[in-house]
Amino acid sequence: MISASPEETAALGERIARQLLPGSVVALRGGLGAGKTCLTKGIGRGLGVEEGIKSPTYTIISEYETKEKISFYHIDAYRLEGDGDFEALGGRELFYGGGIAVVEWSERIPGSLPADSILVEIEILDGERRRFRVWGMDGRER
């Protein structure tokens, strides 16, 4: 799927949100400026998060509440050294506590991701255009 603007990227996030249930984990992969936070904002909007979602780079984990009173976790693993750092923060418990989580830089914590995570790879094409590939940990495209 190709997005030509941040607005289209956020709209894709809203469509992804409609597929998520409590316990869902969305693992994002893509370089700096690829649109991971923009997609996350769209997912949050699709879940009814009213608070403005910001990049959690310095806080690592930000928690919001959805309209259904479900915890929505926005996790930025960029500054983590691996699964051990994530586990020391109590991150794994977030994945199994009935909330919904989106993980930016998920490739930094591969051993912590649940087997049924949804993977989203973002490729910068040019300007604001991005290519999105969505699949499960089982390798099947979604």
N, C-alpha and C. Protein backbone atom coordinates (compact mmCIF):
# COMPACT_ATOMS: atom_id res chain seq x y z
N MET A 1 0.84 -1.15 0.00
CA MET A 1 0.00 0.00 0.00
C MET A 1 0.90 1.23 0.00
N ILE A 2 0.54 2.23 -0.79
CA ILE A 2 1.30 3.47 -0.90
C ILE A 2 0.50 4.61 -0.27
N SER A 3 1.18 5.42 0.54
CA SER A 3 0.60 6.64 1.10
C SER A 3 1.33 7.82 0.48
N ALA A 4 0.57 8.82 0.07
CA ALA A 4 1.17 10.00 -0.57
C ALA A 4 1.26 11.20 0.37
N SER A 5 0.78 11.05 1.62
CA SER A 5 0.78 12.19 2.52
C SER A 5 0.65 11.71 3.97
N PRO A 6 1.00 12.58 4.91
CA PRO A 6 0.78 12.23 6.33
C PRO A 6 -0.70 11.95 6.63
N GLU A 7 -1.59 12.64 5.95
CA GLU A 7 -3.02 12.41 6.17
C GLU A 7 -3.42 11.01 5.74
N GLU A 8 -2.89 10.55 4.60
CA GLU A 8 -3.18 9.18 4.15
C GLU A 8 -2.56 8.16 5.10
N THR A 9 -1.39 8.47 5.64
CA THR A 9 -0.75 7.56 6.60
C THR A 9 -1.61 7.45 7.85
N ALA A 10 -2.11 8.57 8.36
CA ALA A 10 -2.97 8.54 9.54
C ALA A 10 -4.26 7.77 9.24
N ALA A 11 -4.80 7.93 8.04
CA ALA A 11 -6.03 7.21 7.66
C ALA A 11 -5.77 5.70 7.62
N LEU A 12 -4.59 5.30 7.17
CA LEU A 12 -4.22 3.88 7.20
C LEU A 12 -4.20 3.40 8.66
N GLY A 13 -3.65 4.22 9.55
CA GLY A 13 -3.65 3.87 10.97
C GLY A 13 -5.06 3.66 11.50
N GLU A 14 -5.99 4.50 11.09
CA GLU A 14 -7.38 4.33 11.51
C GLU A 14 -7.95 3.01 11.02
N ARG A 15 -7.61 2.63 9.79
CA ARG A 15 -8.09 1.34 9.25
C ARG A 15 -7.48 0.18 10.03
N ILE A 16 -6.22 0.27 10.37
CA ILE A 16 -5.58 -0.77 11.17
C ILE A 16 -6.27 -0.87 12.53
N ALA A 17 -6.60 0.27 13.14
CA ALA A 17 -7.24 0.29 14.46
C ALA A 17 -8.53 -0.52 14.48
N ARG A 18 -9.26 -0.51 13.38
CA ARG A 18 -10.53 -1.25 13.33
C ARG A 18 -10.33 -2.76 13.44
N GLN A 19 -9.12 -3.22 13.20
CA GLN A 19 -8.82 -4.65 13.27
C GLN A 19 -8.28 -5.09 14.63
N LEU A 20 -8.02 -4.13 15.51
CA LEU A 20 -7.35 -4.44 16.76
C LEU A 20 -8.33 -4.76 17.88
N LEU A 21 -7.90 -5.69 18.72
CA LEU A 21 -8.66 -6.12 19.89
C LEU A 21 -7.76 -5.95 21.12
N PRO A 22 -8.34 -5.97 22.31
CA PRO A 22 -7.48 -5.95 23.50
C PRO A 22 -6.45 -7.07 23.42
N GLY A 23 -5.20 -6.73 23.72
CA GLY A 23 -4.10 -7.68 23.61
C GLY A 23 -3.33 -7.57 22.31
N SER A 24 -3.81 -6.77 21.36
CA SER A 24 -3.12 -6.62 20.08
C SER A 24 -1.82 -5.84 20.25
N VAL A 25 -0.81 -6.25 19.50
CA VAL A 25 0.47 -5.55 19.45
C VAL A 25 0.79 -5.29 17.99
N VAL A 26 1.08 -4.02 17.67
CA VAL A 26 1.46 -3.61 16.32
C VAL A 26 2.93 -3.21 16.38
N ALA A 27 3.77 -3.93 15.65
CA ALA A 27 5.21 -3.71 15.64
C ALA A 27 5.59 -2.95 14.38
N LEU A 28 6.10 -1.72 14.56
CA LEU A 28 6.45 -0.86 13.42
C LEU A 28 7.95 -0.92 13.15
N ARG A 29 8.27 -0.93 11.86
CA ARG A 29 9.67 -0.90 11.42
C ARG A 29 9.80 0.12 10.31
N GLY A 30 10.80 0.95 10.39
CA GLY A 30 11.04 1.96 9.37
C GLY A 30 12.06 2.95 9.87
N GLY A 31 12.77 3.58 8.97
CA GLY A 31 13.82 4.51 9.34
C GLY A 31 13.30 5.80 9.94
N LEU A 32 14.24 6.67 10.31
CA LEU A 32 13.88 7.98 10.84
C LEU A 32 13.04 8.74 9.81
N GLY A 33 11.96 9.33 10.26
CA GLY A 33 11.10 10.11 9.39
C GLY A 33 10.21 9.30 8.47
N ALA A 34 10.12 7.99 8.71
CA ALA A 34 9.31 7.13 7.84
C ALA A 34 7.81 7.33 8.03
N GLY A 35 7.40 7.79 9.20
CA GLY A 35 5.97 7.98 9.45
C GLY A 35 5.41 7.09 10.54
N LYS A 36 6.28 6.52 11.36
CA LYS A 36 5.82 5.62 12.42
C LYS A 36 4.90 6.33 13.41
N THR A 37 5.30 7.52 13.84
CA THR A 37 4.47 8.25 14.80
C THR A 37 3.18 8.73 14.15
N CYS A 38 3.23 9.12 12.90
CA CYS A 38 2.02 9.54 12.18
C CYS A 38 1.03 8.38 12.09
N LEU A 39 1.53 7.19 11.78
CA LEU A 39 0.67 6.01 11.72
C LEU A 39 0.09 5.71 13.10
N THR A 40 0.92 5.84 14.13
CA THR A 40 0.46 5.60 15.50
C THR A 40 -0.63 6.57 15.90
N LYS A 41 -0.49 7.83 15.51
CA LYS A 41 -1.53 8.82 15.80
C LYS A 41 -2.85 8.42 15.14
N GLY A 42 -2.77 7.89 13.92
CA GLY A 42 -3.97 7.43 13.24
C GLY A 42 -4.60 6.24 13.95
N ILE A 43 -3.75 5.31 14.42
CA ILE A 43 -4.27 4.16 15.17
C ILE A 43 -4.97 4.66 16.43
N GLY A 44 -4.32 5.56 17.14
CA GLY A 44 -4.92 6.11 18.36
C GLY A 44 -6.24 6.79 18.07
N ARG A 45 -6.28 7.59 17.02
CA ARG A 45 -7.53 8.27 16.64
C ARG A 45 -8.61 7.24 16.32
N GLY A 46 -8.23 6.18 15.61
CA GLY A 46 -9.19 5.13 15.27
C GLY A 46 -9.72 4.39 16.48
N LEU A 47 -8.94 4.37 17.55
CA LEU A 47 -9.37 3.72 18.79
C LEU A 47 -10.11 4.68 19.72
N GLY A 48 -10.18 5.94 19.32
CA GLY A 48 -10.89 6.91 20.13
C GLY A 48 -10.05 7.55 21.22
N VAL A 49 -8.74 7.53 21.06
CA VAL A 49 -7.88 8.23 22.02
C VAL A 49 -8.07 9.73 21.78
N GLU A 50 -8.48 10.44 22.81
CA GLU A 50 -8.76 11.87 22.67
C GLU A 50 -7.54 12.73 22.96
N GLU A 51 -6.65 12.23 23.80
CA GLU A 51 -5.44 12.98 24.14
C GLU A 51 -4.50 12.98 22.95
N GLY A 52 -3.78 14.07 22.75
CA GLY A 52 -2.83 14.15 21.64
C GLY A 52 -1.66 13.20 21.82
N ILE A 53 -1.42 12.34 20.85
CA ILE A 53 -0.32 11.38 20.92
C ILE A 53 0.95 12.05 20.43
N LYS A 54 1.99 11.94 21.24
CA LYS A 54 3.29 12.52 20.90
C LYS A 54 4.32 11.41 20.79
N SER A 55 5.43 11.70 20.14
CA SER A 55 6.50 10.71 20.06
C SER A 55 7.04 10.48 21.47
N PRO A 56 7.10 9.21 21.90
CA PRO A 56 7.55 8.92 23.26
C PRO A 56 9.06 8.72 23.39
N THR A 57 9.86 9.25 22.47
CA THR A 57 11.29 8.97 22.43
C THR A 57 11.97 9.11 23.78
N TYR A 58 11.66 10.16 24.52
CA TYR A 58 12.35 10.36 25.79
C TYR A 58 11.65 9.69 26.96
N THR A 59 10.40 9.33 26.82
CA THR A 59 9.69 8.64 27.89
C THR A 59 9.62 7.14 27.63
N ILE A 60 9.91 6.71 26.45
CA ILE A 60 9.91 5.32 25.98
C ILE A 60 8.50 4.74 25.91
N ILE A 61 7.73 4.84 27.00
CA ILE A 61 6.37 4.28 27.00
C ILE A 61 5.39 5.38 27.40
N SER A 62 4.41 5.62 26.56
CA SER A 62 3.32 6.55 26.88
C SER A 62 2.03 5.75 26.91
N GLU A 63 1.18 6.04 27.88
CA GLU A 63 -0.09 5.33 28.01
C GLU A 63 -1.24 6.31 27.82
N TYR A 64 -2.22 5.89 27.03
CA TYR A 64 -3.42 6.67 26.77
C TYR A 64 -4.62 5.77 27.03
N GLU A 65 -5.81 6.36 27.05
CA GLU A 65 -7.02 5.56 27.24
C GLU A 65 -7.91 5.71 26.01
N THR A 66 -8.43 4.59 25.52
CA THR A 66 -9.31 4.61 24.36
C THR A 66 -10.74 4.93 24.81
N LYS A 67 -11.61 5.17 23.83
CA LYS A 67 -13.02 5.45 24.16
C LYS A 67 -13.68 4.26 24.85
N GLU A 68 -13.12 3.06 24.64
CA GLU A 68 -13.66 1.85 25.27
C GLU A 68 -13.01 1.57 26.62
N LYS A 69 -12.23 2.55 27.12
CA LYS A 69 -11.54 2.44 28.42
C LYS A 69 -10.47 1.34 28.41
N ILE A 70 -9.85 1.13 27.25
CA ILE A 70 -8.75 0.18 27.10
C ILE A 70 -7.45 0.97 27.08
N SER A 71 -6.43 0.47 27.75
CA SER A 71 -5.13 1.14 27.72
C SER A 71 -4.53 1.01 26.33
N PHE A 72 -3.98 2.12 25.84
CA PHE A 72 -3.28 2.17 24.56
C PHE A 72 -1.85 2.60 24.86
N TYR A 73 -0.89 1.73 24.56
CA TYR A 73 0.52 1.99 24.85
C TYR A 73 1.25 2.34 23.56
N HIS A 74 1.93 3.47 23.60
CA HIS A 74 2.79 3.89 22.48
C HIS A 74 4.21 3.74 22.99
N ILE A 75 4.94 2.80 22.41
CA ILE A 75 6.27 2.44 22.88
C ILE A 75 7.30 2.80 21.81
N ASP A 76 8.37 3.46 22.23
CA ASP A 76 9.46 3.79 21.32
C ASP A 76 10.71 3.06 21.81
N ALA A 77 11.09 2.01 21.13
CA ALA A 77 12.22 1.18 21.55
C ALA A 77 13.57 1.67 21.03
N TYR A 78 13.60 2.81 20.38
CA TYR A 78 14.82 3.30 19.75
C TYR A 78 16.00 3.38 20.71
N ARG A 79 15.77 3.85 21.92
CA ARG A 79 16.85 4.04 22.89
C ARG A 79 17.14 2.79 23.73
N LEU A 80 16.43 1.71 23.48
CA LEU A 80 16.66 0.48 24.24
C LEU A 80 17.79 -0.33 23.60
N GLU A 81 18.54 -1.03 24.44
CA GLU A 81 19.65 -1.86 23.96
C GLU A 81 19.21 -3.27 23.63
N GLY A 82 17.94 -3.57 23.79
CA GLY A 82 17.46 -4.90 23.46
C GLY A 82 16.33 -5.35 24.37
N ASP A 83 16.03 -6.63 24.27
CA ASP A 83 14.92 -7.20 25.03
C ASP A 83 15.10 -7.04 26.54
N GLY A 84 16.33 -7.17 27.02
CA GLY A 84 16.59 -7.04 28.46
C GLY A 84 16.19 -5.68 29.00
N ASP A 85 16.51 -4.62 28.26
CA ASP A 85 16.10 -3.27 28.67
C ASP A 85 14.58 -3.15 28.71
N PHE A 86 13.93 -3.70 27.71
CA PHE A 86 12.46 -3.62 27.64
C PHE A 86 11.83 -4.37 28.81
N GLU A 87 12.35 -5.55 29.10
CA GLU A 87 11.82 -6.34 30.21
C GLU A 87 12.06 -5.64 31.54
N ALA A 88 13.21 -4.96 31.70
CA ALA A 88 13.51 -4.25 32.94
C ALA A 88 12.52 -3.11 33.19
N LEU A 89 11.96 -2.56 32.12
CA LEU A 89 10.95 -1.50 32.25
C LEU A 89 9.55 -2.07 32.53
N GLY A 90 9.42 -3.38 32.52
CA GLY A 90 8.11 -4.00 32.70
C GLY A 90 7.32 -4.04 31.40
N GLY A 91 8.01 -3.87 30.29
CA GLY A 91 7.35 -3.80 28.99
C GLY A 91 6.58 -5.02 28.58
N ARG A 92 7.12 -6.19 28.88
CA ARG A 92 6.42 -7.42 28.47
C ARG A 92 5.04 -7.53 29.09
N GLU A 93 4.90 -7.06 30.32
CA GLU A 93 3.60 -7.12 30.99
C GLU A 93 2.56 -6.28 30.24
N LEU A 94 3.01 -5.23 29.58
CA LEU A 94 2.08 -4.40 28.81
C LEU A 94 1.45 -5.20 27.68
N PHE A 95 2.22 -6.10 27.08
CA PHE A 95 1.72 -6.89 25.96
C PHE A 95 0.66 -7.90 26.37
N TYR A 96 0.66 -8.29 27.63
CA TYR A 96 -0.25 -9.35 28.06
C TYR A 96 -1.26 -8.88 29.10
N GLY A 97 -1.46 -7.56 29.19
CA GLY A 97 -2.36 -7.01 30.20
C GLY A 97 -3.72 -6.59 29.67
N GLY A 98 -4.04 -6.90 28.42
CA GLY A 98 -5.36 -6.58 27.89
C GLY A 98 -5.46 -5.22 27.22
N GLY A 99 -4.33 -4.52 27.10
CA GLY A 99 -4.34 -3.26 26.39
C GLY A 99 -3.97 -3.47 24.92
N ILE A 100 -3.77 -2.38 24.21
CA ILE A 100 -3.32 -2.41 22.82
C ILE A 100 -2.01 -1.64 22.77
N ALA A 101 -1.00 -2.20 22.11
CA ALA A 101 0.31 -1.56 22.07
C ALA A 101 0.78 -1.37 20.63
N VAL A 102 1.42 -0.22 20.40
CA VAL A 102 2.11 0.04 19.14
C VAL A 102 3.57 0.29 19.51
N VAL A 103 4.48 -0.43 18.85
CA VAL A 103 5.90 -0.35 19.17
C VAL A 103 6.68 0.20 17.98
N GLU A 104 7.24 1.40 18.15
CA GLU A 104 8.14 1.94 17.13
C GLU A 104 9.53 1.34 17.36
N TRP A 105 10.26 1.12 16.28
CA TRP A 105 11.59 0.51 16.33
C TRP A 105 11.51 -0.89 16.96
N SER A 106 10.50 -1.63 16.59
CA SER A 106 10.26 -2.97 17.17
C SER A 106 11.40 -3.94 16.91
N GLU A 107 12.19 -3.70 15.88
CA GLU A 107 13.31 -4.60 15.60
C GLU A 107 14.35 -4.59 16.72
N ARG A 108 14.29 -3.63 17.62
CA ARG A 108 15.23 -3.56 18.74
C ARG A 108 14.84 -4.50 19.89
N ILE A 109 13.59 -5.01 19.87
CA ILE A 109 13.13 -5.92 20.93
C ILE A 109 12.43 -7.14 20.32
N PRO A 110 13.04 -7.82 19.38
CA PRO A 110 12.35 -8.90 18.66
C PRO A 110 11.91 -10.06 19.54
N GLY A 111 12.67 -10.37 20.58
CA GLY A 111 12.31 -11.48 21.44
C GLY A 111 11.16 -11.19 22.38
N SER A 112 10.80 -9.92 22.51
CA SER A 112 9.70 -9.54 23.41
C SER A 112 8.36 -9.51 22.72
N LEU A 113 8.36 -9.47 21.39
CA LEU A 113 7.10 -9.34 20.64
C LEU A 113 6.30 -10.64 20.70
N PRO A 114 5.01 -10.55 20.99
CA PRO A 114 4.17 -11.75 20.99
C PRO A 114 4.12 -12.39 19.59
N ALA A 115 3.89 -13.67 19.56
CA ALA A 115 3.87 -14.42 18.30
C ALA A 115 2.76 -13.96 17.37
N ASP A 116 1.70 -13.35 17.90
CA ASP A 116 0.60 -12.92 17.05
C ASP A 116 0.63 -11.42 16.75
N SER A 117 1.79 -10.79 16.92
CA SER A 117 1.92 -9.36 16.62
C SER A 117 1.64 -9.08 15.15
N ILE A 118 1.20 -7.88 14.88
CA ILE A 118 1.01 -7.40 13.52
C ILE A 118 2.24 -6.57 13.18
N LEU A 119 2.94 -6.91 12.12
CA LEU A 119 4.14 -6.19 11.71
C LEU A 119 3.79 -5.20 10.60
N VAL A 120 4.31 -3.98 10.71
CA VAL A 120 4.12 -2.97 9.69
C VAL A 120 5.51 -2.43 9.32
N GLU A 121 5.89 -2.64 8.09
CA GLU A 121 7.16 -2.13 7.60
C GLU A 121 6.88 -0.91 6.73
N ILE A 122 7.60 0.18 7.00
CA ILE A 122 7.40 1.43 6.28
C ILE A 122 8.67 1.76 5.51
N GLU A 123 8.51 1.99 4.23
CA GLU A 123 9.63 2.35 3.37
C GLU A 123 9.40 3.75 2.80
N ILE A 124 10.41 4.61 2.95
CA ILE A 124 10.33 5.96 2.37
C ILE A 124 10.61 5.83 0.88
N LEU A 125 9.68 6.30 0.06
CA LEU A 125 9.88 6.26 -1.39
C LEU A 125 10.50 7.56 -1.88
N ASP A 126 9.80 8.66 -1.68
CA ASP A 126 10.31 9.99 -2.01
C ASP A 126 9.36 11.01 -1.43
N GLY A 127 9.87 12.19 -1.10
CA GLY A 127 9.01 13.23 -0.53
C GLY A 127 8.19 12.69 0.62
N GLU A 128 6.87 12.76 0.49
CA GLU A 128 5.97 12.26 1.53
C GLU A 128 5.42 10.88 1.22
N ARG A 129 5.81 10.30 0.10
CA ARG A 129 5.29 8.97 -0.28
C ARG A 129 5.98 7.87 0.52
N ARG A 130 5.13 6.95 1.02
CA ARG A 130 5.62 5.81 1.80
C ARG A 130 4.94 4.54 1.32
N ARG A 131 5.70 3.44 1.37
CA ARG A 131 5.13 2.12 1.08
C ARG A 131 4.99 1.38 2.41
N PHE A 132 3.79 0.83 2.62
CA PHE A 132 3.49 0.07 3.84
C PHE A 132 3.26 -1.38 3.48
N ARG A 133 3.89 -2.26 4.24
CA ARG A 133 3.62 -3.70 4.15
C ARG A 133 3.14 -4.13 5.53
N VAL A 134 2.02 -4.84 5.56
CA VAL A 134 1.44 -5.28 6.83
C VAL A 134 1.31 -6.79 6.79
N TRP A 135 1.85 -7.45 7.79
CA TRP A 135 1.74 -8.90 7.87
C TRP A 135 1.84 -9.34 9.32
N GLY A 136 1.60 -10.62 9.55
CA GLY A 136 1.67 -11.17 10.90
C GLY A 136 3.03 -11.81 11.12
N MET A 137 3.32 -12.15 12.36
CA MET A 137 4.57 -12.81 12.70
C MET A 137 4.69 -14.16 11.99
N ASP A 138 3.55 -14.68 11.53
CA ASP A 138 3.55 -15.94 10.82
C ASP A 138 3.97 -15.77 9.36
N GLY A 139 4.24 -14.52 8.96
CA GLY A 139 4.69 -14.26 7.60
C GLY A 139 3.57 -14.03 6.60
N ARG A 140 2.33 -14.17 7.02
CA ARG A 140 1.19 -13.96 6.09
C ARG A 140 0.86 -12.49 6.00
N GLU A 141 0.72 -12.00 4.76
CA GLU A 141 0.39 -10.61 4.55
C GLU A 141 -1.06 -10.33 4.97
N ARG A 142 -1.30 -9.15 5.50
CA ARG A 142 -2.64 -8.78 5.97
C ARG A 142 -3.21 -7.70 5.09
